[in-house]
Amino acid sequence: MEESERVDSRVGRFRLVSHCCLRD
């Protein structure tokens, strides 16, 4: 289940970056 958590963290950060770029 650790791999799943790691992927979740990656997706979360990617979404955050995408949101920032979109906001820009």
Protein backbone atom coordinates (compact mmCIF):
# COMPACT_ATOMS: atom_id res chain seq x y z
CA MET A 1 0.00 0.00 0.00
CA GLU A 2 3.05 2.26 0.24
CA GLU A 3 3.30 2.49 -3.54
CA SER A 4 -0.28 3.72 -3.71
CA GLU A 5 0.48 6.45 -1.18
CA ARG A 6 3.53 7.53 -3.16
CA VAL A 7 1.50 7.78 -6.36
CA ASP A 8 -1.16 9.78 -4.52
CA SER A 9 1.51 12.24 -3.37
CA ARG A 10 2.83 12.58 -6.93
CA VAL A 11 -0.64 13.15 -8.36
CA GLY A 12 -1.40 15.65 -5.61
CA ARG A 13 1.73 17.67 -6.39
CA PHE A 14 1.13 17.44 -10.14
CA ARG A 15 -2.44 18.72 -9.65
CA LEU A 16 -1.13 21.57 -7.51
CA VAL A 17 1.38 22.59 -10.19
CA SER A 18 -1.27 22.30 -12.90
CA HIS A 19 -3.60 24.49 -10.85
CA CYS A 20 -0.86 27.12 -10.41
CA CYS A 21 -0.09 27.08 -14.13
CA LEU A 22 -3.78 27.28 -14.98
CA ARG A 23 -4.24 30.18 -12.57
CA ASP A 24 -1.34 31.98 -14.19
